[in-house]
């Protein structure tokens, strides 16, 4: 196993811990390493398959009642479908180095945007459903594009659900349900644009990543039960900004 592949496994372990703790963020760590190690199509597919695994664990393996905002989640997922098609075209037409820079820029921009939004939204009430459809539709489309192009869709979704006043378990579970709803169709769309088997990562990669997914989920779930939202959110955003810088640096150097 090469040094880059070891970095990828470590990124999966760290990313899954963050994802399990706050409901988003694993692609901040995994996507830069995956884009450096594989083709763009394989990198996207790896992130999508890992997303399916971790979000299933969050929703179905923690033996607790889930708090998913069903209507909002369904609206975002439906709005994301045309965005997924657009993103799948982008990933086959744009050079890999350009996509790798784009991953870094999106990670940095998302971290900054979420930090700014976090600064003034501690007491934002939940908004009435009839007033938020444009936010859900626009955010869903953007998340769809990001899902199949660079696999970093968390920032768009967090901003959408945060603007609706969601916090804590409701935010975490709604993110997990939405990310699962995006990953399943996206995992079918990407191979269609990439010519089938060329988009699938090698089997050993998934086999090696499985233990990292399981360990990361257990650790992240424990963190979620113990840390307040502000503390672990700030840590995640700081680490995400670092991951974005590393992605840009890897593409430029």
Protein backbone atom coordinates (compact mmCIF):
# COMPACT_ATOMS: atom_id res chain seq x y z
CA UNK A 1 0.00 0.00 0.00
CA UNK A 2 1.43 3.37 -1.04
CA UNK A 3 1.77 6.39 1.23
CA UNK A 4 -1.06 8.12 -0.62
CA UNK A 5 -3.35 5.14 -0.07
CA UNK A 6 -2.49 5.14 3.64
CA UNK A 7 -3.40 8.81 3.74
CA UNK A 8 -6.74 7.94 2.12
CA UNK A 9 -7.54 5.33 4.79
CA UNK A 10 -6.59 7.79 7.53
CA UNK A 11 -8.80 10.41 5.88
CA UNK A 12 -11.70 7.93 5.88
CA UNK A 13 -11.22 7.25 9.60
CA UNK A 14 -11.09 10.93 10.53
CA UNK A 15 -13.84 11.91 8.11
CA UNK A 16 -16.22 9.22 9.29
CA UNK A 17 -15.69 10.31 12.89
CA UNK A 18 -16.61 13.89 11.99
CA UNK A 19 -19.57 12.78 9.85
CA UNK A 20 -20.94 10.62 12.62
CA UNK A 21 -20.46 13.36 15.20
CA UNK A 22 -22.19 16.25 13.41
CA UNK A 23 -23.99 14.69 10.44
CA UNK A 24 -21.74 15.99 7.65
CA UNK A 25 -18.09 16.61 6.83
CA UNK A 26 -16.46 13.33 5.86
CA UNK A 27 -16.02 14.42 2.24
CA UNK A 28 -13.94 17.37 3.46
CA UNK A 29 -11.26 14.84 4.38
CA UNK A 30 -11.88 11.95 1.97
CA UNK A 31 -12.50 13.84 -1.29
CA UNK A 32 -9.08 15.58 -1.47
CA UNK A 33 -7.26 12.27 -0.83
CA UNK A 34 -9.51 10.34 -3.21
CA UNK A 35 -9.03 12.86 -6.03
CA UNK A 36 -5.27 12.65 -5.51
CA UNK A 37 -5.23 8.83 -5.55
CA UNK A 38 -7.75 7.95 -8.30
CA UNK A 39 -9.41 9.28 -11.43
CA UNK A 40 -12.14 11.85 -10.90
CA UNK A 41 -14.92 9.32 -11.61
CA UNK A 42 -13.43 6.73 -9.23
CA UNK A 43 -12.93 9.36 -6.53
CA UNK A 44 -16.56 10.48 -6.75
CA UNK A 45 -17.84 6.89 -6.67
CA UNK A 46 -15.70 6.02 -3.65
CA UNK A 47 -17.05 9.01 -1.73
CA UNK A 48 -20.63 8.14 -2.73
CA UNK A 49 -20.31 4.51 -1.60
CA UNK A 50 -18.77 5.57 1.70
CA UNK A 51 -21.54 8.13 2.15
CA UNK A 52 -24.17 5.42 1.76
CA UNK A 53 -22.43 3.32 4.41
CA UNK A 54 -21.93 6.03 7.04
CA UNK A 55 -25.38 7.57 6.70
CA UNK A 56 -27.04 4.16 7.01
CA UNK A 57 -25.07 3.64 10.21
CA UNK A 58 -26.14 7.03 11.60
CA UNK A 59 -29.81 6.46 10.81
CA UNK A 60 -30.25 2.74 11.46
CA UNK A 61 -27.45 1.44 13.69
CA UNK A 62 -27.59 3.68 16.77
CA UNK A 63 -30.69 2.15 18.37
CA UNK A 64 -32.46 5.46 18.98
CA UNK A 65 -35.46 7.33 17.55
CA UNK A 66 -34.39 9.46 14.59
CA UNK A 67 -35.55 13.06 14.09
CA UNK A 68 -35.64 13.54 10.33
CA UNK A 69 -37.44 16.56 8.83
CA UNK A 70 -39.18 14.44 6.21
CA UNK A 71 -40.81 17.12 4.05
CA UNK A 72 -37.71 19.30 3.85
CA UNK A 73 -35.50 16.29 3.16
CA UNK A 74 -37.74 15.06 0.35
CA UNK A 75 -37.87 18.52 -1.24
CA UNK A 76 -34.08 18.88 -1.25
CA UNK A 77 -33.52 15.39 -2.68
CA UNK A 78 -36.03 15.88 -5.50
CA UNK A 79 -34.54 19.28 -6.36
CA UNK A 80 -31.07 17.73 -6.44
CA UNK A 81 -31.78 15.20 -9.21
CA UNK A 82 -31.34 17.58 -12.18
CA UNK A 83 -28.27 18.98 -10.43
CA UNK A 84 -26.79 15.46 -10.25
CA UNK A 85 -27.05 15.08 -14.02
CA UNK A 86 -25.29 18.42 -14.48
CA UNK A 87 -22.55 17.47 -12.05
CA UNK A 88 -22.00 14.07 -13.71
CA UNK A 89 -21.40 15.84 -17.03
CA UNK A 90 -18.94 18.22 -15.34
CA UNK A 91 -16.86 15.40 -13.83
CA UNK A 92 -16.35 13.79 -17.26
CA UNK A 93 -15.52 17.02 -19.11
CA UNK A 94 -13.29 18.96 -16.69
CA UNK A 95 -9.62 18.10 -16.05
CA UNK A 96 -8.90 16.27 -12.81
CA UNK A 97 -6.48 18.92 -11.53
CA UNK A 98 -9.15 21.57 -12.04
CA UNK A 99 -11.65 19.48 -10.11
CA UNK A 100 -9.14 18.97 -7.32
CA UNK A 101 -8.69 22.73 -7.00
CA UNK A 102 -12.48 23.09 -7.10
CA UNK A 103 -12.80 20.63 -4.22
CA UNK A 104 -10.43 22.73 -2.16
CA UNK A 105 -12.14 25.99 -3.01
CA UNK A 106 -15.58 24.58 -2.17
CA UNK A 107 -14.32 23.19 1.13
CA UNK A 108 -12.77 26.53 2.10
CA UNK A 109 -15.78 28.56 0.97
CA UNK A 110 -18.16 26.22 2.77
CA UNK A 111 -16.16 26.37 5.99
CA UNK A 112 -16.05 30.18 5.89
CA UNK A 113 -19.74 30.50 5.00
CA UNK A 114 -20.78 28.14 7.78
CA UNK A 115 -18.58 29.96 10.29
CA UNK A 116 -20.16 33.29 9.37
CA UNK A 117 -23.66 31.83 9.49
CA UNK A 118 -22.89 30.15 12.81
CA UNK A 119 -21.85 33.44 14.34
CA UNK A 120 -25.33 34.90 14.30
CA UNK A 121 -27.83 32.09 14.16
CA UNK A 122 -27.76 30.60 17.65
CA UNK A 123 -31.40 31.44 18.27
CA UNK A 124 -32.89 31.22 14.77
CA UNK A 125 -36.42 29.79 15.07
CA UNK A 126 -37.76 27.17 12.69
CA UNK A 127 -39.45 28.88 9.75
CA UNK A 128 -42.84 28.19 8.33
CA UNK A 129 -42.78 25.63 5.52
CA UNK A 130 -44.49 27.89 2.96
CA UNK A 131 -41.68 30.46 3.19
CA UNK A 132 -38.66 28.19 2.63
CA UNK A 133 -39.34 26.37 -0.64
CA UNK A 134 -36.89 28.56 -2.66
CA UNK A 135 -34.13 27.83 -0.15
CA UNK A 136 -34.79 24.11 -0.27
CA UNK A 137 -35.05 23.94 -4.07
CA UNK A 138 -32.00 26.11 -4.76
CA UNK A 139 -29.91 24.41 -2.12
CA UNK A 140 -31.01 21.00 -3.34
CA UNK A 141 -30.00 21.74 -6.93
CA UNK A 142 -26.60 23.03 -5.80
CA UNK A 143 -26.09 19.98 -3.62
CA UNK A 144 -26.95 17.73 -6.57
CA UNK A 145 -24.30 19.36 -8.77
CA UNK A 146 -21.71 19.05 -6.02
CA UNK A 147 -22.66 15.42 -5.27
CA UNK A 148 -21.74 14.04 -8.69
CA UNK A 149 -18.96 16.48 -9.58
CA UNK A 150 -16.75 16.90 -6.51
CA UNK A 151 -18.62 14.91 -3.82
CA UNK A 152 -18.53 17.82 -1.35
CA UNK A 153 -22.21 18.62 -0.84
CA UNK A 154 -22.27 19.12 2.94
CA UNK A 155 -21.81 22.91 2.95
CA UNK A 156 -24.87 23.55 0.77
CA UNK A 157 -27.03 21.21 2.85
CA UNK A 158 -25.88 22.56 6.20
CA UNK A 159 -26.64 26.11 5.12
CA UNK A 160 -30.11 25.09 3.90
CA UNK A 161 -31.09 23.21 7.05
CA UNK A 162 -29.48 25.75 9.37
CA UNK A 163 -31.50 28.50 7.68
CA UNK A 164 -34.62 26.49 8.56
CA UNK A 165 -33.70 26.64 12.25
CA UNK A 166 -32.60 23.00 12.67
CA UNK A 167 -30.14 22.12 15.43
CA UNK A 168 -28.79 19.09 17.26
CA UNK A 169 -30.26 15.68 16.46
CA UNK A 170 -32.80 17.12 14.03
CA UNK A 171 -30.03 18.73 11.98
CA UNK A 172 -27.75 15.67 12.18
CA UNK A 173 -30.46 13.20 11.25
CA UNK A 174 -31.94 15.34 8.47
CA UNK A 175 -28.48 15.75 6.98
CA UNK A 176 -27.87 12.00 7.14
CA UNK A 177 -31.21 11.23 5.48
CA UNK A 178 -30.63 13.81 2.75
CA UNK A 179 -27.08 12.68 2.08
CA UNK A 180 -28.29 9.09 1.82
CA UNK A 181 -31.07 10.17 -0.54
CA UNK A 182 -28.52 11.97 -2.72
CA UNK A 183 -25.88 9.24 -2.68
CA UNK A 184 -28.11 6.39 -3.85
CA UNK A 185 -29.22 7.88 -7.21
CA UNK A 186 -25.85 9.59 -7.71
CA UNK A 187 -24.08 6.22 -7.43
CA UNK A 188 -26.17 5.09 -10.42
CA UNK A 189 -25.79 8.31 -12.43
CA UNK A 190 -21.99 8.65 -12.31
CA UNK A 191 -21.22 5.25 -13.97
CA UNK A 192 -23.63 6.08 -16.81
CA UNK A 193 -21.56 9.14 -17.70
CA UNK A 194 -18.23 7.40 -17.05
CA UNK A 195 -18.89 4.32 -19.18
CA UNK A 196 -19.75 1.81 -16.47
CA UNK A 197 -16.91 -0.05 -14.76
CA UNK A 198 -14.41 2.78 -15.22
CA UNK A 199 -16.04 4.67 -12.37
CA UNK A 200 -15.77 1.90 -9.79
CA UNK A 201 -12.79 1.94 -7.41
CA UNK A 202 -10.82 -1.26 -6.99
CA UNK A 203 -12.41 -3.75 -4.61
CA UNK A 204 -9.51 -3.76 -2.17
CA UNK A 205 -10.01 -0.05 -1.56
CA UNK A 206 -13.53 -0.57 -0.25
CA UNK A 207 -12.42 -3.61 1.77
CA UNK A 208 -9.71 -1.60 3.50
CA UNK A 209 -12.04 1.34 4.13
CA UNK A 210 -14.80 -0.73 5.80
CA UNK A 211 -13.03 -1.05 9.18
CA UNK A 212 -12.25 2.68 9.10
CA UNK A 213 -15.93 3.44 8.48
CA UNK A 214 -17.06 1.28 11.41
CA UNK A 215 -14.47 2.60 13.85
CA UNK A 216 -15.07 6.19 12.77
CA UNK A 217 -18.81 5.83 13.27
CA UNK A 218 -18.47 4.43 16.78
CA UNK A 219 -16.06 7.17 17.80
CA UNK A 220 -18.08 9.98 16.19
CA UNK A 221 -21.34 8.81 17.75
CA UNK A 222 -19.69 8.88 21.17
CA UNK A 223 -18.44 12.41 20.50
CA UNK A 224 -21.94 13.52 19.45
CA UNK A 225 -23.33 12.40 22.78
CA UNK A 226 -20.72 14.34 24.79
CA UNK A 227 -19.78 17.58 23.03
CA UNK A 228 -21.90 20.67 22.58
CA UNK A 229 -22.71 21.83 19.06
CA UNK A 230 -20.46 24.88 19.14
CA UNK A 231 -17.28 23.06 20.13
CA UNK A 232 -17.32 20.20 17.65
CA UNK A 233 -18.64 22.43 14.87
CA UNK A 234 -15.69 24.80 15.21
CA UNK A 235 -13.21 21.91 15.25
CA UNK A 236 -14.77 20.37 12.14
CA UNK A 237 -14.71 23.64 10.23
CA UNK A 238 -11.07 24.26 11.14
CA UNK A 239 -10.08 20.78 9.96
CA UNK A 240 -12.16 21.21 6.81
CA UNK A 241 -10.36 24.44 5.95
CA UNK A 242 -7.03 22.61 6.31
CA UNK A 243 -8.28 19.79 4.07
CA UNK A 244 -9.29 22.35 1.44
CA UNK A 245 -5.86 23.96 1.48
CA UNK A 246 -4.20 20.54 1.11
CA UNK A 247 -6.42 19.72 -1.88
CA UNK A 248 -5.51 22.97 -3.64
CA UNK A 249 -1.84 22.46 -2.82
CA UNK A 250 -1.84 18.90 -4.16
CA UNK A 251 -3.26 20.07 -7.48
CA UNK A 252 -0.93 23.04 -7.85
CA UNK A 253 2.32 21.28 -6.85
